[in-house]
Amino acid sequence: TYGISPSQLTRLKRNEGVSTNTIGRFCEILDCSVSDI
């Protein structure tokens, strides 16, 4: 639905680095702040 790539989810599961753009996208989708995620 939101076009998040499976590779980004894998990086997040492994606590690897992701771009601030990716973090911002999650904040938009989830209507939350960075500190929530």
PDB file of all heavy atoms in Angstrom:
ATOM      1  N   THR A   1       0.818  -1.213   0.000  1.00  0.00           N
ATOM      2  CA  THR A   1       0.000   0.000   0.000  1.00  0.00           C
ATOM      3  C   THR A   1       0.852   1.264   0.000  1.00  0.00           C
ATOM      4  O   THR A   1       0.557   2.216  -0.708  1.00  0.00           O
ATOM      5  CB  THR A   1      -0.949   0.017   1.222  1.00  0.00           C
ATOM      6  OG1 THR A   1      -1.753  -1.159   1.185  1.00  0.00           O
ATOM      7  CG2 THR A   1      -1.828   1.256   1.228  1.00  0.00           C
ATOM      8  N   TYR A   2       1.923   1.248   0.802  1.00  0.00           N
ATOM      9  CA  TYR A   2       2.724   2.461   0.985  1.00  0.00           C
ATOM     10  C   TYR A   2       4.033   2.458   0.192  1.00  0.00           C
ATOM     11  O   TYR A   2       4.769   3.439   0.224  1.00  0.00           O
ATOM     12  CB  TYR A   2       3.019   2.677   2.469  1.00  0.00           C
ATOM     13  CG  TYR A   2       1.766   2.899   3.279  1.00  0.00           C
ATOM     14  CD1 TYR A   2       1.270   1.909   4.116  1.00  0.00           C
ATOM     15  CD2 TYR A   2       1.059   4.097   3.189  1.00  0.00           C
ATOM     16  CE1 TYR A   2       0.119   2.105   4.864  1.00  0.00           C
ATOM     17  CE2 TYR A   2      -0.088   4.301   3.935  1.00  0.00           C
ATOM     18  CZ  TYR A   2      -0.554   3.310   4.764  1.00  0.00           C
ATOM     19  OH  TYR A   2      -1.698   3.508   5.497  1.00  0.00           O
ATOM     20  N   GLY A   3       4.345   1.356  -0.485  1.00  0.00           N
ATOM     21  CA  GLY A   3       5.535   1.321  -1.335  1.00  0.00           C
ATOM     22  C   GLY A   3       6.861   1.236  -0.608  1.00  0.00           C
ATOM     23  O   GLY A   3       7.895   1.593  -1.165  1.00  0.00           O
ATOM     24  N   ILE A   4       6.838   0.768   0.627  1.00  0.00           N
ATOM     25  CA  ILE A   4       8.093   0.567   1.370  1.00  0.00           C
ATOM     26  C   ILE A   4       8.759  -0.686   0.812  1.00  0.00           C
ATOM     27  O   ILE A   4       8.118  -1.716   0.638  1.00  0.00           O
ATOM     28  CB  ILE A   4       7.824   0.400   2.884  1.00  0.00           C
ATOM     29  CG1 ILE A   4       7.120   1.638   3.451  1.00  0.00           C
ATOM     30  CG2 ILE A   4       9.109   0.090   3.639  1.00  0.00           C
ATOM     31  CD1 ILE A   4       7.911   2.909   3.433  1.00  0.00           C
ATOM     32  N   SER A   5      10.051  -0.611   0.542  1.00  0.00           N
ATOM     33  CA  SER A   5      10.720  -1.772  -0.047  1.00  0.00           C
ATOM     34  C   SER A   5      11.020  -2.821   1.024  1.00  0.00           C
ATOM     35  O   SER A   5      11.337  -2.485   2.173  1.00  0.00           O
ATOM     36  CB  SER A   5      12.013  -1.360  -0.751  1.00  0.00           C
ATOM     37  OG  SER A   5      13.012  -1.056   0.187  1.00  0.00           O
ATOM     38  N   PRO A   6      10.933  -4.083   0.651  1.00  0.00           N
ATOM     39  CA  PRO A   6      11.254  -5.162   1.596  1.00  0.00           C
ATOM     40  C   PRO A   6      12.681  -5.043   2.142  1.00  0.00           C
ATOM     41  O   PRO A   6      12.927  -5.358   3.298  1.00  0.00           O
ATOM     42  CB  PRO A   6      11.086  -6.436   0.774  1.00  0.00           C
ATOM     43  CG  PRO A   6      10.130  -6.058  -0.308  1.00  0.00           C
ATOM     44  CD  PRO A   6      10.423  -4.614  -0.615  1.00  0.00           C
ATOM     45  N   SER A   7      13.598  -4.534   1.316  1.00  0.00           N
ATOM     46  CA  SER A   7      14.981  -4.395   1.785  1.00  0.00           C
ATOM     47  C   SER A   7      15.094  -3.359   2.901  1.00  0.00           C
ATOM     48  O   SER A   7      15.899  -3.516   3.823  1.00  0.00           O
ATOM     49  CB  SER A   7      15.921  -4.047   0.629  1.00  0.00           C
ATOM     50  OG  SER A   7      15.586  -2.793   0.071  1.00  0.00           O
ATOM     51  N   GLN A   8      14.273  -2.309   2.850  1.00  0.00           N
ATOM     52  CA  GLN A   8      14.287  -1.316   3.933  1.00  0.00           C
ATOM     53  C   GLN A   8      13.764  -1.931   5.224  1.00  0.00           C
ATOM     54  O   GLN A   8      14.307  -1.675   6.301  1.00  0.00           O
ATOM     55  CB  GLN A   8      13.455  -0.085   3.553  1.00  0.00           C
ATOM     56  CG  GLN A   8      14.091   0.791   2.517  1.00  0.00           C
ATOM     57  CD  GLN A   8      15.427   1.350   2.965  1.00  0.00           C
ATOM     58  OE1 GLN A   8      15.627   1.723   4.114  1.00  0.00           O
ATOM     59  NE2 GLN A   8      16.356   1.421   2.039  1.00  0.00           N
ATOM     60  N   LEU A   9      12.736  -2.744   5.121  1.00  0.00           N
ATOM     61  CA  LEU A   9      12.206  -3.417   6.310  1.00  0.00           C
ATOM     62  C   LEU A   9      13.252  -4.355   6.906  1.00  0.00           C
ATOM     63  O   LEU A   9      13.402  -4.427   8.125  1.00  0.00           O
ATOM     64  CB  LEU A   9      10.926  -4.172   5.983  1.00  0.00           C
ATOM     65  CG  LEU A   9       9.709  -3.300   5.693  1.00  0.00           C
ATOM     66  CD1 LEU A   9       8.550  -4.151   5.224  1.00  0.00           C
ATOM     67  CD2 LEU A   9       9.328  -2.483   6.904  1.00  0.00           C
ATOM     68  N   THR A  10      13.978  -5.050   6.056  1.00  0.00           N
ATOM     69  CA  THR A  10      15.041  -5.948   6.527  1.00  0.00           C
ATOM     70  C   THR A  10      16.117  -5.156   7.256  1.00  0.00           C
ATOM     71  O   THR A  10      16.577  -5.555   8.327  1.00  0.00           O
ATOM     72  CB  THR A  10      15.650  -6.735   5.351  1.00  0.00           C
ATOM     73  OG1 THR A  10      14.619  -7.529   4.760  1.00  0.00           O
ATOM     74  CG2 THR A  10      16.787  -7.624   5.810  1.00  0.00           C
ATOM     75  N   ARG A  11      16.520  -4.027   6.702  1.00  0.00           N
ATOM     76  CA  ARG A  11      17.542  -3.179   7.351  1.00  0.00           C
ATOM     77  C   ARG A  11      17.049  -2.703   8.719  1.00  0.00           C
ATOM     78  O   ARG A  11      17.813  -2.678   9.685  1.00  0.00           O
ATOM     79  CB  ARG A  11      17.897  -1.999   6.456  1.00  0.00           C
ATOM     80  CG  ARG A  11      18.618  -2.412   5.174  1.00  0.00           C
ATOM     81  CD  ARG A  11      19.040  -1.221   4.340  1.00  0.00           C
ATOM     82  NE  ARG A  11      20.041  -0.403   5.009  1.00  0.00           N
ATOM     83  CZ  ARG A  11      21.337  -0.707   5.112  1.00  0.00           C
ATOM     84  NH1 ARG A  11      21.781  -1.817   4.575  1.00  0.00           N
ATOM     85  NH2 ARG A  11      22.170   0.101   5.738  1.00  0.00           N
ATOM     86  N   LEU A  12      15.784  -2.337   8.807  1.00  0.00           N
ATOM     87  CA  LEU A  12      15.224  -1.882  10.077  1.00  0.00           C
ATOM     88  C   LEU A  12      15.162  -3.016  11.093  1.00  0.00           C
ATOM     89  O   LEU A  12      15.465  -2.817  12.273  1.00  0.00           O
ATOM     90  CB  LEU A  12      13.836  -1.278   9.856  1.00  0.00           C
ATOM     91  CG  LEU A  12      13.837   0.066   9.114  1.00  0.00           C
ATOM     92  CD1 LEU A  12      12.470   0.359   8.536  1.00  0.00           C
ATOM     93  CD2 LEU A  12      14.308   1.180  10.019  1.00  0.00           C
ATOM     94  N   LYS A  13      14.808  -4.205  10.649  1.00  0.00           N
ATOM     95  CA  LYS A  13      14.768  -5.362  11.555  1.00  0.00           C
ATOM     96  C   LYS A  13      16.143  -5.657  12.127  1.00  0.00           C
ATOM     97  O   LYS A  13      16.259  -6.098  13.273  1.00  0.00           O
ATOM     98  CB  LYS A  13      14.279  -6.609  10.810  1.00  0.00           C
ATOM     99  CG  LYS A  13      12.811  -6.632  10.533  1.00  0.00           C
ATOM    100  CD  LYS A  13      12.455  -7.906   9.786  1.00  0.00           C
ATOM    101  CE  LYS A  13      11.104  -7.816   9.154  1.00  0.00           C
ATOM    102  NZ  LYS A  13      10.817  -8.971   8.302  1.00  0.00           N
ATOM    103  N   ARG A  14      17.169  -5.425  11.336  1.00  0.00           N
ATOM    104  CA  ARG A  14      18.552  -5.701  11.754  1.00  0.00           C
ATOM    105  C   ARG A  14      19.198  -4.504  12.448  1.00  0.00           C
ATOM    106  O   ARG A  14      20.386  -4.532  12.761  1.00  0.00           O
ATOM    107  CB  ARG A  14      19.382  -6.086  10.533  1.00  0.00           C
ATOM    108  CG  ARG A  14      18.935  -7.380   9.899  1.00  0.00           C
ATOM    109  CD  ARG A  14      19.752  -7.670   8.677  1.00  0.00           C
ATOM    110  NE  ARG A  14      19.309  -8.905   8.035  1.00  0.00           N
ATOM    111  CZ  ARG A  14      19.688  -9.299   6.830  1.00  0.00           C
ATOM    112  NH1 ARG A  14      20.520  -8.550   6.111  1.00  0.00           N
ATOM    113  NH2 ARG A  14      19.246 -10.434   6.339  1.00  0.00           N
ATOM    114  N   ASN A  15      18.432  -3.443  12.654  1.00  0.00           N
ATOM    115  CA  ASN A  15      18.938  -2.202  13.258  1.00  0.00           C
ATOM    116  C   ASN A  15      20.122  -1.647  12.480  1.00  0.00           C
ATOM    117  O   ASN A  15      21.075  -1.120  13.058  1.00  0.00           O
ATOM    118  CB  ASN A  15      19.290  -2.397  14.740  1.00  0.00           C
ATOM    119  CG  ASN A  15      18.066  -2.633  15.578  1.00  0.00           C
ATOM    120  OD1 ASN A  15      17.033  -2.004  15.381  1.00  0.00           O
ATOM    121  ND2 ASN A  15      18.156  -3.561  16.509  1.00  0.00           N
ATOM    122  N   GLU A  16      20.046  -1.742  11.154  1.00  0.00           N
ATOM    123  CA  GLU A  16      21.068  -1.192  10.282  1.00  0.00           C
ATOM    124  C   GLU A  16      20.664   0.225   9.884  1.00  0.00           C
ATOM    125  O   GLU A  16      19.516   0.639  10.088  1.00  0.00           O
ATOM    126  CB  GLU A  16      21.229  -2.069   9.040  1.00  0.00           C
ATOM    127  CG  GLU A  16      21.758  -3.456   9.360  1.00  0.00           C
ATOM    128  CD  GLU A  16      21.824  -4.364   8.149  1.00  0.00           C
ATOM    129  OE1 GLU A  16      21.274  -4.019   7.080  1.00  0.00           O
ATOM    130  OE2 GLU A  16      22.417  -5.452   8.281  1.00  0.00           O
ATOM    131  N   GLY A  17      21.590   0.948   9.307  1.00  0.00           N
ATOM    132  CA  GLY A  17      21.329   2.323   8.926  1.00  0.00           C
ATOM    133  C   GLY A  17      20.320   2.453   7.797  1.00  0.00           C
ATOM    134  O   GLY A  17      20.318   1.656   6.861  1.00  0.00           O
ATOM    135  N   VAL A  18      19.457   3.436   7.913  1.00  0.00           N
ATOM    136  CA  VAL A  18      18.515   3.793   6.854  1.00  0.00           C
ATOM    137  C   VAL A  18      18.546   5.313   6.708  1.00  0.00           C
ATOM    138  O   VAL A  18      18.999   6.025   7.598  1.00  0.00           O
ATOM    139  CB  VAL A  18      17.068   3.315   7.146  1.00  0.00           C
ATOM    140  CG1 VAL A  18      16.986   1.811   7.165  1.00  0.00           C
ATOM    141  CG2 VAL A  18      16.544   3.890   8.437  1.00  0.00           C
ATOM    142  N   SER A  19      18.056   5.802   5.597  1.00  0.00           N
ATOM    143  CA  SER A  19      18.087   7.238   5.346  1.00  0.00           C
ATOM    144  C   SER A  19      17.055   7.980   6.198  1.00  0.00           C
ATOM    145  O   SER A  19      16.064   7.392   6.643  1.00  0.00           O
ATOM    146  CB  SER A  19      17.820   7.522   3.868  1.00  0.00           C
ATOM    147  OG  SER A  19      16.473   7.264   3.552  1.00  0.00           O
ATOM    148  N   THR A  20      17.308   9.261   6.369  1.00  0.00           N
ATOM    149  CA  THR A  20      16.330  10.081   7.088  1.00  0.00           C
ATOM    150  C   THR A  20      15.044  10.180   6.281  1.00  0.00           C
ATOM    151  O   THR A  20      13.967  10.343   6.857  1.00  0.00           O
ATOM    152  CB  THR A  20      16.875  11.487   7.389  1.00  0.00           C
ATOM    153  OG1 THR A  20      17.346  12.076   6.170  1.00  0.00           O
ATOM    154  CG2 THR A  20      18.007  11.426   8.400  1.00  0.00           C
ATOM    155  N   ASN A  21      15.137  10.054   4.969  1.00  0.00           N
ATOM    156  CA  ASN A  21      13.945  10.035   4.132  1.00  0.00           C
ATOM    157  C   ASN A  21      13.050   8.854   4.503  1.00  0.00           C
ATOM    158  O   ASN A  21      11.826   8.986   4.595  1.00  0.00           O
ATOM    159  CB  ASN A  21      14.343   9.966   2.653  1.00  0.00           C
ATOM    160  CG  ASN A  21      13.150  10.066   1.736  1.00  0.00           C
ATOM    161  OD1 ASN A  21      12.341  10.968   1.870  1.00  0.00           O
ATOM    162  ND2 ASN A  21      13.051   9.135   0.816  1.00  0.00           N
ATOM    163  N   THR A  22      13.657   7.693   4.725  1.00  0.00           N
ATOM    164  CA  THR A  22      12.902   6.498   5.118  1.00  0.00           C
ATOM    165  C   THR A  22      12.234   6.712   6.474  1.00  0.00           C
ATOM    166  O   THR A  22      11.061   6.398   6.650  1.00  0.00           O
ATOM    167  CB  THR A  22      13.816   5.259   5.162  1.00  0.00           C
ATOM    168  OG1 THR A  22      14.339   5.034   3.851  1.00  0.00           O
ATOM    169  CG2 THR A  22      13.076   4.028   5.635  1.00  0.00           C
ATOM    170  N   ILE A  23      12.973   7.270   7.414  1.00  0.00           N
ATOM    171  CA  ILE A  23      12.409   7.541   8.741  1.00  0.00           C
ATOM    172  C   ILE A  23      11.247   8.525   8.626  1.00  0.00           C
ATOM    173  O   ILE A  23      10.188   8.332   9.229  1.00  0.00           O
ATOM    174  CB  ILE A  23      13.490   8.086   9.705  1.00  0.00           C
ATOM    175  CG1 ILE A  23      14.610   7.061   9.901  1.00  0.00           C
ATOM    176  CG2 ILE A  23      12.885   8.500  11.042  1.00  0.00           C
ATOM    177  CD1 ILE A  23      14.159   5.734  10.466  1.00  0.00           C
ATOM    178  N   GLY A  24      11.435   9.552   7.831  1.00  0.00           N
ATOM    179  CA  GLY A  24      10.372  10.535   7.622  1.00  0.00           C
ATOM    180  C   GLY A  24       9.128   9.916   7.015  1.00  0.00           C
ATOM    181  O   GLY A  24       8.000  10.251   7.394  1.00  0.00           O
ATOM    182  N   ARG A  25       9.331   9.017   6.094  1.00  0.00           N
ATOM    183  CA  ARG A  25       8.197   8.318   5.447  1.00  0.00           C
ATOM    184  C   ARG A  25       7.403   7.514   6.461  1.00  0.00           C
ATOM    185  O   ARG A  25       6.177   7.539   6.467  1.00  0.00           O
ATOM    186  CB  ARG A  25       8.740   7.421   4.343  1.00  0.00           C
ATOM    187  CG  ARG A  25       7.714   6.718   3.553  1.00  0.00           C
ATOM    188  CD  ARG A  25       7.370   7.480   2.279  1.00  0.00           C
ATOM    189  NE  ARG A  25       6.614   6.606   1.386  1.00  0.00           N
ATOM    190  CZ  ARG A  25       5.288   6.561   1.370  1.00  0.00           C
ATOM    191  NH1 ARG A  25       4.602   7.346   2.167  1.00  0.00           N
ATOM    192  NH2 ARG A  25       4.651   5.751   0.565  1.00  0.00           N
ATOM    193  N   PHE A  26       8.117   6.816   7.349  1.00  0.00           N
ATOM    194  CA  PHE A  26       7.429   6.051   8.390  1.00  0.00           C
ATOM    195  C   PHE A  26       6.663   6.971   9.330  1.00  0.00           C
ATOM    196  O   PHE A  26       5.552   6.647   9.744  1.00  0.00           O
ATOM    197  CB  PHE A  26       8.416   5.179   9.174  1.00  0.00           C
ATOM    198  CG  PHE A  26       8.673   3.853   8.526  1.00  0.00           C
ATOM    199  CD1 PHE A  26       9.781   3.659   7.724  1.00  0.00           C
ATOM    200  CD2 PHE A  26       7.799   2.793   8.704  1.00  0.00           C
ATOM    201  CE1 PHE A  26      10.015   2.443   7.110  1.00  0.00           C
ATOM    202  CE2 PHE A  26       8.017   1.564   8.097  1.00  0.00           C
ATOM    203  CZ  PHE A  26       9.135   1.393   7.295  1.00  0.00           C
ATOM    204  N   CYS A  27       7.241   8.112   9.657  1.00  0.00           N
ATOM    205  CA  CYS A  27       6.544   9.070  10.530  1.00  0.00           C
ATOM    206  C   CYS A  27       5.253   9.563   9.864  1.00  0.00           C
ATOM    207  O   CYS A  27       4.229   9.719  10.536  1.00  0.00           O
ATOM    208  CB  CYS A  27       7.455  10.237  10.875  1.00  0.00           C
ATOM    209  SG  CYS A  27       8.791   9.798  12.000  1.00  0.00           S
ATOM    210  N   GLU A  28       5.298   9.791   8.547  1.00  0.00           N
ATOM    211  CA  GLU A  28       4.093  10.208   7.822  1.00  0.00           C
ATOM    212  C   GLU A  28       3.048   9.095   7.828  1.00  0.00           C
ATOM    213  O   GLU A  28       1.877   9.343   8.111  1.00  0.00           O
ATOM    214  CB  GLU A  28       4.438  10.544   6.369  1.00  0.00           C
ATOM    215  CG  GLU A  28       5.196  11.823   6.195  1.00  0.00           C
ATOM    216  CD  GLU A  28       5.580  12.068   4.739  1.00  0.00           C
ATOM    217  OE1 GLU A  28       4.950  11.478   3.830  1.00  0.00           O
ATOM    218  OE2 GLU A  28       6.513  12.840   4.511  1.00  0.00           O
ATOM    219  N   ILE A  29       3.471   7.886   7.501  1.00  0.00           N
ATOM    220  CA  ILE A  29       2.544   6.751   7.430  1.00  0.00           C
ATOM    221  C   ILE A  29       1.889   6.487   8.775  1.00  0.00           C
ATOM    222  O   ILE A  29       0.687   6.268   8.865  1.00  0.00           O
ATOM    223  CB  ILE A  29       3.282   5.488   6.939  1.00  0.00           C
ATOM    224  CG1 ILE A  29       3.714   5.642   5.478  1.00  0.00           C
ATOM    225  CG2 ILE A  29       2.420   4.237   7.117  1.00  0.00           C
ATOM    226  CD1 ILE A  29       4.721   4.606   5.008  1.00  0.00           C
ATOM    227  N   LEU A  30       2.699   6.521   9.839  1.00  0.00           N
ATOM    228  CA  LEU A  30       2.222   6.148  11.165  1.00  0.00           C
ATOM    229  C   LEU A  30       1.713   7.335  11.984  1.00  0.00           C
ATOM    230  O   LEU A  30       1.237   7.150  13.099  1.00  0.00           O
ATOM    231  CB  LEU A  30       3.337   5.432  11.929  1.00  0.00           C
ATOM    232  CG  LEU A  30       3.842   4.150  11.269  1.00  0.00           C
ATOM    233  CD1 LEU A  30       5.073   3.634  11.988  1.00  0.00           C
ATOM    234  CD2 LEU A  30       2.752   3.097  11.244  1.00  0.00           C
ATOM    235  N   ASP A  31       1.846   8.545  11.437  1.00  0.00           N
ATOM    236  CA  ASP A  31       1.449   9.763  12.143  1.00  0.00           C
ATOM    237  C   ASP A  31       2.072   9.786  13.541  1.00  0.00           C
ATOM    238  O   ASP A  31       1.369   9.841  14.560  1.00  0.00           O
ATOM    239  CB  ASP A  31      -0.076   9.861  12.221  1.00  0.00           C
ATOM    240  CG  ASP A  31      -0.535  11.211  12.735  1.00  0.00           C
ATOM    241  OD1 ASP A  31       0.185  12.212  12.524  1.00  0.00           O
ATOM    242  OD2 ASP A  31      -1.601  11.267  13.377  1.00  0.00           O
ATOM    243  N   CYS A  32       3.399   9.709  13.559  1.00  0.00           N
ATOM    244  CA  CYS A  32       4.124   9.675  14.828  1.00  0.00           C
ATOM    245  C   CYS A  32       5.401  10.501  14.705  1.00  0.00           C
ATOM    246  O   CYS A  32       5.713  11.020  13.636  1.00  0.00           O
ATOM    247  CB  CYS A  32       4.449   8.232  15.219  1.00  0.00           C
ATOM    248  SG  CYS A  32       5.621   7.419  14.121  1.00  0.00           S
ATOM    249  N   SER A  33       6.142  10.611  15.783  1.00  0.00           N
ATOM    250  CA  SER A  33       7.409  11.339  15.755  1.00  0.00           C
ATOM    251  C   SER A  33       8.566  10.347  15.655  1.00  0.00           C
ATOM    252  O   SER A  33       8.407   9.145  15.896  1.00  0.00           O
ATOM    253  CB  SER A  33       7.554  12.206  17.002  1.00  0.00           C
ATOM    254  OG  SER A  33       7.708  11.394  18.138  1.00  0.00           O
ATOM    255  N   VAL A  34       9.731  10.877  15.330  1.00  0.00           N
ATOM    256  CA  VAL A  34      10.930  10.058  15.182  1.00  0.00           C
ATOM    257  C   VAL A  34      11.217   9.281  16.464  1.00  0.00           C
ATOM    258  O   VAL A  34      11.548   8.088  16.424  1.00  0.00           O
ATOM    259  CB  VAL A  34      12.140  10.940  14.800  1.00  0.00           C
ATOM    260  CG1 VAL A  34      13.435  10.152  14.818  1.00  0.00           C
ATOM    261  CG2 VAL A  34      11.929  11.574  13.443  1.00  0.00           C
ATOM    262  N   SER A  35      11.056   9.918  17.598  1.00  0.00           N
ATOM    263  CA  SER A  35      11.354   9.258  18.880  1.00  0.00           C
ATOM    264  C   SER A  35      10.408   8.099  19.180  1.00  0.00           C
ATOM    265  O   SER A  35      10.720   7.254  20.015  1.00  0.00           O
ATOM    266  CB  SER A  35      11.333  10.265  20.026  1.00  0.00           C
ATOM    267  OG  SER A  35      10.055  10.844  20.152  1.00  0.00           O
ATOM    268  N   ASP A  36       9.272   8.041  18.488  1.00  0.00           N
ATOM    269  CA  ASP A  36       8.349   6.918  18.673  1.00  0.00           C
ATOM    270  C   ASP A  36       8.852   5.650  17.994  1.00  0.00           C
ATOM    271  O   ASP A  36       8.492   4.553  18.407  1.00  0.00           O
ATOM    272  CB  ASP A  36       6.963   7.246  18.105  1.00  0.00           C
ATOM    273  CG  ASP A  36       6.256   8.339  18.879  1.00  0.00           C
ATOM    274  OD1 ASP A  36       6.497   8.461  20.091  1.00  0.00           O
ATOM    275  OD2 ASP A  36       5.459   9.073  18.254  1.00  0.00           O
ATOM    276  N   ILE A  37       9.674   5.811  16.959  1.00  0.00           N
ATOM    277  CA  ILE A  37      10.073   4.632  16.184  1.00  0.00           C
ATOM    278  C   ILE A  37      11.549   4.282  16.268  1.00  0.00           C
ATOM    279  O   ILE A  37      11.941   3.178  15.907  1.00  0.00           O
ATOM    280  CB  ILE A  37       9.661   4.772  14.701  1.00  0.00           C
ATOM    281  CG1 ILE A  37      10.309   5.977  14.035  1.00  0.00           C
ATOM    282  CG2 ILE A  37       8.151   4.827  14.573  1.00  0.00           C
ATOM    283  CD1 ILE A  37      10.046   6.082  12.547  1.00  0.00           C
TER     284      ILE A  37
END
